[in-house]
């Protein structure tokens, strides 16, 4: 996924949640990806993969992706 055409859909607590959400989006035909956020979650964050993830979608798919988000 090219990052210059993407926007942040939402931020989730970790990689597992990002994978689950991307699975839902992909099942509905929406290309997505995720990345670490700039938020510091832990003093050992640089050593282990943990912490919040930004879920990214193409800007053109943003509204359709938002409609698929679980209600909180």
N, C-alpha and C. Protein backbone atom coordinates (compact mmCIF):
# COMPACT_ATOMS: atom_id res chain seq x y z
N UNK A 1 0.85 -1.18 0.00
CA UNK A 1 0.00 0.00 0.00
C UNK A 1 0.89 1.23 0.00
N UNK A 2 0.68 2.12 -0.95
CA UNK A 2 1.47 3.35 -1.04
C UNK A 2 1.00 4.35 0.01
N UNK A 3 1.92 4.80 0.85
CA UNK A 3 1.53 5.67 1.96
C UNK A 3 1.16 7.08 1.53
N UNK A 4 1.62 7.55 0.36
CA UNK A 4 1.30 8.91 -0.02
C UNK A 4 -0.18 9.08 -0.40
N UNK A 5 -0.90 7.99 -0.58
CA UNK A 5 -2.32 8.04 -0.92
C UNK A 5 -3.20 7.56 0.23
N UNK A 6 -2.65 7.44 1.41
CA UNK A 6 -3.40 6.86 2.51
C UNK A 6 -3.75 7.88 3.58
N UNK A 7 -4.77 7.53 4.35
CA UNK A 7 -5.18 8.32 5.50
C UNK A 7 -5.39 7.37 6.68
N UNK A 8 -5.33 7.90 7.87
CA UNK A 8 -5.54 7.09 9.07
C UNK A 8 -7.04 6.90 9.27
N UNK A 9 -7.46 5.66 9.29
CA UNK A 9 -8.86 5.33 9.56
C UNK A 9 -9.12 5.38 11.06
N UNK A 10 -8.27 4.73 11.83
CA UNK A 10 -8.43 4.67 13.28
C UNK A 10 -7.12 4.21 13.91
N UNK A 11 -7.04 4.30 15.22
CA UNK A 11 -5.91 3.79 15.98
C UNK A 11 -6.44 2.68 16.88
N UNK A 12 -5.76 1.54 16.85
CA UNK A 12 -6.17 0.39 17.66
C UNK A 12 -5.07 0.09 18.68
N UNK A 13 -5.40 -0.65 19.75
CA UNK A 13 -4.43 -0.87 20.83
C UNK A 13 -3.17 -1.65 20.46
N UNK A 14 -3.25 -2.53 19.45
CA UNK A 14 -2.08 -3.34 19.14
C UNK A 14 -2.16 -4.02 17.79
N UNK A 15 -1.15 -4.83 17.50
CA UNK A 15 -1.04 -5.49 16.20
C UNK A 15 -2.17 -6.49 15.97
N UNK A 16 -2.58 -7.21 16.99
CA UNK A 16 -3.66 -8.18 16.83
C UNK A 16 -4.94 -7.49 16.37
N UNK A 17 -5.29 -6.39 17.01
CA UNK A 17 -6.49 -5.65 16.63
C UNK A 17 -6.36 -5.07 15.22
N UNK A 18 -5.17 -4.63 14.87
CA UNK A 18 -4.94 -4.10 13.52
C UNK A 18 -5.12 -5.19 12.47
N UNK A 19 -4.62 -6.39 12.75
CA UNK A 19 -4.78 -7.52 11.83
C UNK A 19 -6.26 -7.88 11.68
N UNK A 20 -6.99 -7.92 12.79
CA UNK A 20 -8.41 -8.25 12.72
C UNK A 20 -9.19 -7.22 11.92
N UNK A 21 -8.93 -5.95 12.17
CA UNK A 21 -9.64 -4.90 11.45
C UNK A 21 -9.29 -4.92 9.96
N UNK A 22 -8.01 -5.11 9.64
CA UNK A 22 -7.61 -5.18 8.24
C UNK A 22 -8.24 -6.39 7.56
N UNK A 23 -8.40 -7.50 8.28
CA UNK A 23 -9.08 -8.66 7.71
C UNK A 23 -10.52 -8.34 7.35
N UNK A 24 -11.21 -7.61 8.22
CA UNK A 24 -12.58 -7.20 7.95
C UNK A 24 -12.64 -6.27 6.74
N UNK A 25 -11.74 -5.31 6.70
CA UNK A 25 -11.72 -4.36 5.59
C UNK A 25 -11.42 -5.07 4.27
N UNK A 26 -10.42 -5.94 4.26
CA UNK A 26 -10.06 -6.66 3.03
C UNK A 26 -11.19 -7.57 2.56
N UNK A 27 -11.90 -8.18 3.50
CA UNK A 27 -13.03 -9.04 3.15
C UNK A 27 -14.13 -8.24 2.46
N UNK A 28 -14.12 -6.94 2.66
CA UNK A 28 -15.11 -6.06 2.04
C UNK A 28 -14.52 -5.25 0.89
N UNK A 29 -13.37 -5.70 0.38
CA UNK A 29 -12.79 -5.09 -0.80
C UNK A 29 -12.03 -3.80 -0.57
N UNK A 30 -11.64 -3.52 0.67
CA UNK A 30 -10.92 -2.28 0.98
C UNK A 30 -9.47 -2.62 1.31
N UNK A 31 -8.56 -2.08 0.52
CA UNK A 31 -7.14 -2.29 0.77
C UNK A 31 -6.73 -1.49 2.00
N UNK A 32 -5.91 -2.09 2.85
CA UNK A 32 -5.50 -1.41 4.08
C UNK A 32 -4.12 -1.86 4.51
N UNK A 33 -3.60 -1.19 5.49
CA UNK A 33 -2.35 -1.52 6.12
C UNK A 33 -2.32 -0.88 7.50
N UNK A 34 -1.24 -1.10 8.22
CA UNK A 34 -1.11 -0.47 9.54
C UNK A 34 0.35 -0.20 9.84
N UNK A 35 0.56 0.69 10.78
CA UNK A 35 1.91 1.08 11.18
C UNK A 35 1.90 1.47 12.65
N UNK A 36 3.09 1.53 13.24
CA UNK A 36 3.23 2.02 14.61
C UNK A 36 2.81 3.48 14.66
N UNK A 37 2.35 3.90 15.81
CA UNK A 37 2.07 5.31 16.03
C UNK A 37 3.30 5.96 16.67
N UNK A 38 3.25 7.27 16.81
CA UNK A 38 4.33 7.97 17.48
C UNK A 38 4.16 7.96 19.00
N UNK A 39 3.03 7.44 19.47
CA UNK A 39 2.76 7.42 20.91
C UNK A 39 3.71 6.46 21.61
N UNK A 40 4.27 6.91 22.71
CA UNK A 40 5.14 6.04 23.50
C UNK A 40 4.27 5.29 24.48
N UNK A 41 4.27 3.99 24.35
CA UNK A 41 3.39 3.15 25.15
C UNK A 41 4.15 2.44 26.27
N UNK A 42 5.45 2.23 26.09
CA UNK A 42 6.20 1.44 27.03
C UNK A 42 7.68 1.83 26.97
N UNK A 43 8.41 1.71 28.08
CA UNK A 43 9.83 2.03 28.04
C UNK A 43 10.63 1.05 27.19
N UNK A 44 10.09 -0.13 26.92
CA UNK A 44 10.81 -1.10 26.10
C UNK A 44 10.22 -1.19 24.68
N UNK A 45 9.46 -0.18 24.30
CA UNK A 45 8.77 -0.18 23.02
C UNK A 45 9.72 -0.38 21.83
N UNK A 46 10.91 0.18 21.91
CA UNK A 46 11.85 0.04 20.81
C UNK A 46 12.42 -1.36 20.66
N UNK A 47 12.22 -2.21 21.66
CA UNK A 47 12.80 -3.54 21.63
C UNK A 47 11.81 -4.65 21.28
N UNK A 48 10.53 -4.40 21.49
CA UNK A 48 9.52 -5.41 21.17
C UNK A 48 8.39 -4.76 20.38
N UNK A 49 7.75 -5.52 19.49
CA UNK A 49 6.64 -4.95 18.73
C UNK A 49 5.38 -4.88 19.58
N UNK A 50 5.09 -3.71 20.11
CA UNK A 50 3.89 -3.55 20.94
C UNK A 50 3.40 -2.12 20.81
N UNK A 51 2.22 -1.89 21.34
CA UNK A 51 1.70 -0.54 21.35
C UNK A 51 0.70 -0.29 20.25
N UNK A 52 0.14 0.91 20.25
CA UNK A 52 -0.93 1.26 19.31
C UNK A 52 -0.47 1.22 17.86
N UNK A 53 -1.44 0.93 16.99
CA UNK A 53 -1.19 0.91 15.55
C UNK A 53 -2.21 1.80 14.85
N UNK A 54 -1.77 2.53 13.84
CA UNK A 54 -2.66 3.30 12.99
C UNK A 54 -3.07 2.41 11.82
N UNK A 55 -4.36 2.29 11.59
CA UNK A 55 -4.87 1.53 10.45
C UNK A 55 -5.08 2.52 9.31
N UNK A 56 -4.51 2.20 8.16
CA UNK A 56 -4.50 3.10 7.01
C UNK A 56 -5.35 2.55 5.87
N UNK A 57 -6.04 3.44 5.19
CA UNK A 57 -6.80 3.08 3.98
C UNK A 57 -6.58 4.17 2.95
N UNK A 58 -6.93 3.87 1.69
CA UNK A 58 -6.88 4.91 0.66
C UNK A 58 -7.95 5.95 0.98
N UNK A 59 -7.63 7.19 0.70
CA UNK A 59 -8.56 8.28 0.99
C UNK A 59 -9.92 8.06 0.34
N UNK A 60 -9.94 7.50 -0.86
CA UNK A 60 -11.19 7.26 -1.57
C UNK A 60 -12.07 6.21 -0.88
N UNK A 61 -11.46 5.36 -0.06
CA UNK A 61 -12.19 4.30 0.65
C UNK A 61 -12.56 4.67 2.08
N UNK A 62 -12.20 5.86 2.52
CA UNK A 62 -12.36 6.24 3.92
C UNK A 62 -13.79 6.11 4.42
N UNK A 63 -14.75 6.65 3.71
CA UNK A 63 -16.15 6.59 4.19
C UNK A 63 -16.67 5.16 4.25
N UNK A 64 -16.36 4.35 3.24
CA UNK A 64 -16.80 2.95 3.24
C UNK A 64 -16.14 2.20 4.40
N UNK A 65 -14.88 2.49 4.66
CA UNK A 65 -14.17 1.84 5.76
C UNK A 65 -14.75 2.24 7.11
N UNK A 66 -15.08 3.52 7.26
CA UNK A 66 -15.68 4.00 8.52
C UNK A 66 -17.01 3.30 8.79
N UNK A 67 -17.76 3.02 7.74
CA UNK A 67 -19.06 2.36 7.90
C UNK A 67 -18.89 0.93 8.43
N UNK A 68 -17.72 0.34 8.24
CA UNK A 68 -17.47 -1.03 8.70
C UNK A 68 -16.90 -1.09 10.11
N UNK A 69 -16.48 0.06 10.65
CA UNK A 69 -15.89 0.06 11.99
C UNK A 69 -16.92 -0.38 13.03
N UNK A 70 -16.48 -1.22 13.96
CA UNK A 70 -17.39 -1.59 15.06
C UNK A 70 -17.73 -0.36 15.89
N UNK A 71 -18.95 -0.31 16.36
CA UNK A 71 -19.35 0.81 17.23
C UNK A 71 -18.70 0.66 18.59
N UNK A 72 -18.25 1.79 19.14
CA UNK A 72 -17.62 1.73 20.46
C UNK A 72 -18.48 2.39 21.50
